[in-house]
């Protein structure tokens, strides 16, 4: 395991790469390997989830 992964596994606070806020690890998605996503849940929704939802809805509208 990489040293960075090991230190991240025991971290209590992480900095979001998107908004730059330092937040507790509970605000980040945890992977099965024990490490955390570098984007907080709020930014993850804004960057990945919402645009994909809107694209899917647009596709459904265009097909009907």
N, C-alpha and C. Protein backbone atom coordinates (compact mmCIF):
# COMPACT_ATOMS: atom_id res chain seq x y z
N UNK A 1 0.85 -1.18 0.00
CA UNK A 1 0.00 0.00 0.00
C UNK A 1 0.89 1.24 0.00
N UNK A 2 0.48 2.23 -0.76
CA UNK A 2 1.25 3.46 -0.84
C UNK A 2 1.16 4.23 0.47
N UNK A 3 2.22 4.96 0.85
CA UNK A 3 2.20 5.72 2.10
C UNK A 3 1.06 6.74 2.14
N UNK A 4 0.75 7.35 0.99
CA UNK A 4 -0.33 8.34 0.97
C UNK A 4 -1.67 7.67 1.29
N UNK A 5 -1.90 6.47 0.76
CA UNK A 5 -3.13 5.74 1.05
C UNK A 5 -3.22 5.39 2.53
N UNK A 6 -2.10 5.02 3.10
CA UNK A 6 -2.08 4.66 4.51
C UNK A 6 -2.40 5.86 5.39
N UNK A 7 -1.85 7.02 5.07
CA UNK A 7 -2.13 8.21 5.87
C UNK A 7 -3.57 8.67 5.67
N UNK A 8 -4.10 8.48 4.47
CA UNK A 8 -5.48 8.88 4.21
C UNK A 8 -6.46 7.97 4.94
N UNK A 9 -6.11 6.72 5.11
CA UNK A 9 -6.99 5.76 5.77
C UNK A 9 -7.28 6.17 7.22
N UNK A 10 -6.32 6.80 7.88
CA UNK A 10 -6.48 7.18 9.28
C UNK A 10 -6.73 8.67 9.47
N UNK A 11 -7.00 9.39 8.40
CA UNK A 11 -7.23 10.83 8.49
C UNK A 11 -8.58 11.12 9.15
N UNK A 12 -8.67 12.27 9.80
CA UNK A 12 -9.94 12.70 10.39
C UNK A 12 -10.54 13.86 9.61
N UNK A 13 -9.71 14.59 8.85
CA UNK A 13 -10.17 15.70 8.03
C UNK A 13 -9.46 15.64 6.68
N UNK A 14 -10.20 15.99 5.63
CA UNK A 14 -9.63 16.04 4.28
C UNK A 14 -10.04 17.34 3.62
N UNK A 15 -9.29 17.76 2.62
CA UNK A 15 -9.60 18.98 1.87
C UNK A 15 -10.20 18.59 0.53
N UNK A 16 -11.34 19.16 0.23
CA UNK A 16 -12.03 18.91 -1.04
C UNK A 16 -11.24 19.57 -2.16
N UNK A 17 -10.99 18.85 -3.24
CA UNK A 17 -10.25 19.41 -4.37
C UNK A 17 -11.09 20.40 -5.17
N UNK A 18 -12.39 20.34 -5.03
CA UNK A 18 -13.26 21.23 -5.80
C UNK A 18 -13.49 22.55 -5.07
N UNK A 19 -14.04 22.49 -3.86
CA UNK A 19 -14.39 23.72 -3.14
C UNK A 19 -13.28 24.21 -2.21
N UNK A 20 -12.30 23.36 -1.91
CA UNK A 20 -11.17 23.76 -1.09
C UNK A 20 -11.43 23.79 0.41
N UNK A 21 -12.61 23.36 0.83
CA UNK A 21 -12.93 23.36 2.26
C UNK A 21 -12.31 22.15 2.93
N UNK A 22 -11.87 22.34 4.16
CA UNK A 22 -11.38 21.22 4.96
C UNK A 22 -12.56 20.70 5.76
N UNK A 23 -12.93 19.45 5.49
CA UNK A 23 -14.14 18.86 6.06
C UNK A 23 -13.80 17.54 6.75
N UNK A 24 -14.66 17.09 7.68
CA UNK A 24 -14.45 15.78 8.29
C UNK A 24 -14.61 14.67 7.24
N UNK A 25 -13.99 13.54 7.48
CA UNK A 25 -14.01 12.45 6.50
C UNK A 25 -15.42 11.93 6.24
N UNK A 26 -16.36 12.18 7.13
CA UNK A 26 -17.74 11.74 6.93
C UNK A 26 -18.39 12.43 5.73
N UNK A 27 -17.83 13.55 5.29
CA UNK A 27 -18.37 14.29 4.16
C UNK A 27 -17.83 13.78 2.82
N UNK A 28 -17.01 12.74 2.84
CA UNK A 28 -16.41 12.18 1.64
C UNK A 28 -16.84 10.74 1.47
N UNK A 29 -16.92 10.29 0.22
CA UNK A 29 -17.27 8.90 -0.06
C UNK A 29 -16.06 8.02 0.23
N UNK A 30 -16.30 6.91 0.92
CA UNK A 30 -15.22 5.98 1.24
C UNK A 30 -15.26 4.80 0.29
N UNK A 31 -14.10 4.44 -0.24
CA UNK A 31 -13.99 3.31 -1.15
C UNK A 31 -13.76 2.03 -0.36
N UNK A 32 -14.03 0.87 -0.96
CA UNK A 32 -13.80 -0.41 -0.26
C UNK A 32 -12.35 -0.62 0.18
N UNK A 33 -11.41 0.06 -0.45
CA UNK A 33 -9.99 -0.08 -0.08
C UNK A 33 -9.66 0.67 1.21
N UNK A 34 -10.59 1.52 1.69
CA UNK A 34 -10.35 2.28 2.90
C UNK A 34 -9.95 3.71 2.65
N UNK A 35 -9.75 4.08 1.40
CA UNK A 35 -9.39 5.46 1.07
C UNK A 35 -10.66 6.25 0.74
N UNK A 36 -10.49 7.55 0.59
CA UNK A 36 -11.65 8.42 0.37
C UNK A 36 -11.55 9.12 -0.97
N UNK A 37 -12.71 9.45 -1.53
CA UNK A 37 -12.77 10.26 -2.75
C UNK A 37 -12.27 11.65 -2.38
N UNK A 38 -11.62 12.34 -3.30
CA UNK A 38 -11.03 13.65 -3.02
C UNK A 38 -12.01 14.80 -3.22
N UNK A 39 -13.26 14.49 -3.56
CA UNK A 39 -14.29 15.50 -3.75
C UNK A 39 -15.39 15.22 -2.73
N UNK A 40 -15.81 16.23 -1.98
CA UNK A 40 -16.85 16.04 -0.97
C UNK A 40 -18.17 15.66 -1.63
N UNK A 41 -19.11 15.16 -0.84
CA UNK A 41 -20.39 14.69 -1.38
C UNK A 41 -21.18 15.81 -2.05
N UNK A 42 -21.12 17.00 -1.50
CA UNK A 42 -21.84 18.13 -2.09
C UNK A 42 -21.30 18.45 -3.48
N UNK A 43 -19.99 18.54 -3.61
CA UNK A 43 -19.38 18.83 -4.91
C UNK A 43 -19.54 17.66 -5.86
N UNK A 44 -19.50 16.45 -5.33
CA UNK A 44 -19.69 15.26 -6.16
C UNK A 44 -21.06 15.30 -6.82
N UNK A 45 -22.06 15.72 -6.09
CA UNK A 45 -23.41 15.84 -6.65
C UNK A 45 -23.43 16.87 -7.77
N UNK A 46 -22.81 18.02 -7.53
CA UNK A 46 -22.82 19.10 -8.50
C UNK A 46 -22.00 18.78 -9.75
N UNK A 47 -20.91 18.04 -9.60
CA UNK A 47 -20.01 17.77 -10.72
C UNK A 47 -20.42 16.53 -11.51
N UNK A 48 -20.81 15.45 -10.82
CA UNK A 48 -21.04 14.18 -11.49
C UNK A 48 -22.50 13.78 -11.58
N UNK A 49 -23.22 13.85 -10.48
CA UNK A 49 -24.57 13.28 -10.42
C UNK A 49 -25.58 14.14 -11.18
N UNK A 50 -25.66 15.40 -10.86
CA UNK A 50 -26.67 16.27 -11.46
C UNK A 50 -26.53 16.41 -12.98
N UNK A 51 -25.34 16.66 -13.53
CA UNK A 51 -25.22 16.75 -14.99
C UNK A 51 -25.61 15.44 -15.69
N UNK A 52 -25.27 14.31 -15.10
CA UNK A 52 -25.62 13.02 -15.69
C UNK A 52 -27.14 12.83 -15.67
N UNK A 53 -27.78 13.22 -14.58
CA UNK A 53 -29.23 13.12 -14.47
C UNK A 53 -29.89 13.98 -15.55
N UNK A 54 -29.42 15.19 -15.71
CA UNK A 54 -30.00 16.10 -16.71
C UNK A 54 -29.79 15.57 -18.12
N UNK A 55 -28.63 14.99 -18.40
CA UNK A 55 -28.38 14.42 -19.73
C UNK A 55 -29.30 13.24 -19.99
N UNK A 56 -29.50 12.42 -18.98
CA UNK A 56 -30.39 11.27 -19.12
C UNK A 56 -31.83 11.71 -19.37
N UNK A 57 -32.27 12.73 -18.63
CA UNK A 57 -33.63 13.24 -18.81
C UNK A 57 -33.80 13.84 -20.21
N UNK A 58 -32.80 14.57 -20.68
CA UNK A 58 -32.85 15.15 -22.01
C UNK A 58 -32.95 14.07 -23.09
N UNK A 59 -32.19 12.99 -22.91
CA UNK A 59 -32.24 11.87 -23.85
C UNK A 59 -33.63 11.25 -23.86
N UNK A 60 -34.23 11.08 -22.68
CA UNK A 60 -35.57 10.50 -22.60
C UNK A 60 -36.59 11.41 -23.29
N UNK A 61 -36.47 12.70 -23.12
CA UNK A 61 -37.39 13.65 -23.73
C UNK A 61 -37.25 13.61 -25.26
N UNK A 62 -36.01 13.53 -25.73
CA UNK A 62 -35.77 13.53 -27.17
C UNK A 62 -36.30 12.24 -27.82
N UNK A 63 -36.28 11.14 -27.10
CA UNK A 63 -36.74 9.86 -27.65
C UNK A 63 -38.27 9.79 -27.69
N UNK A 64 -38.95 10.52 -26.84
CA UNK A 64 -40.41 10.46 -26.81
C UNK A 64 -41.01 11.39 -27.77
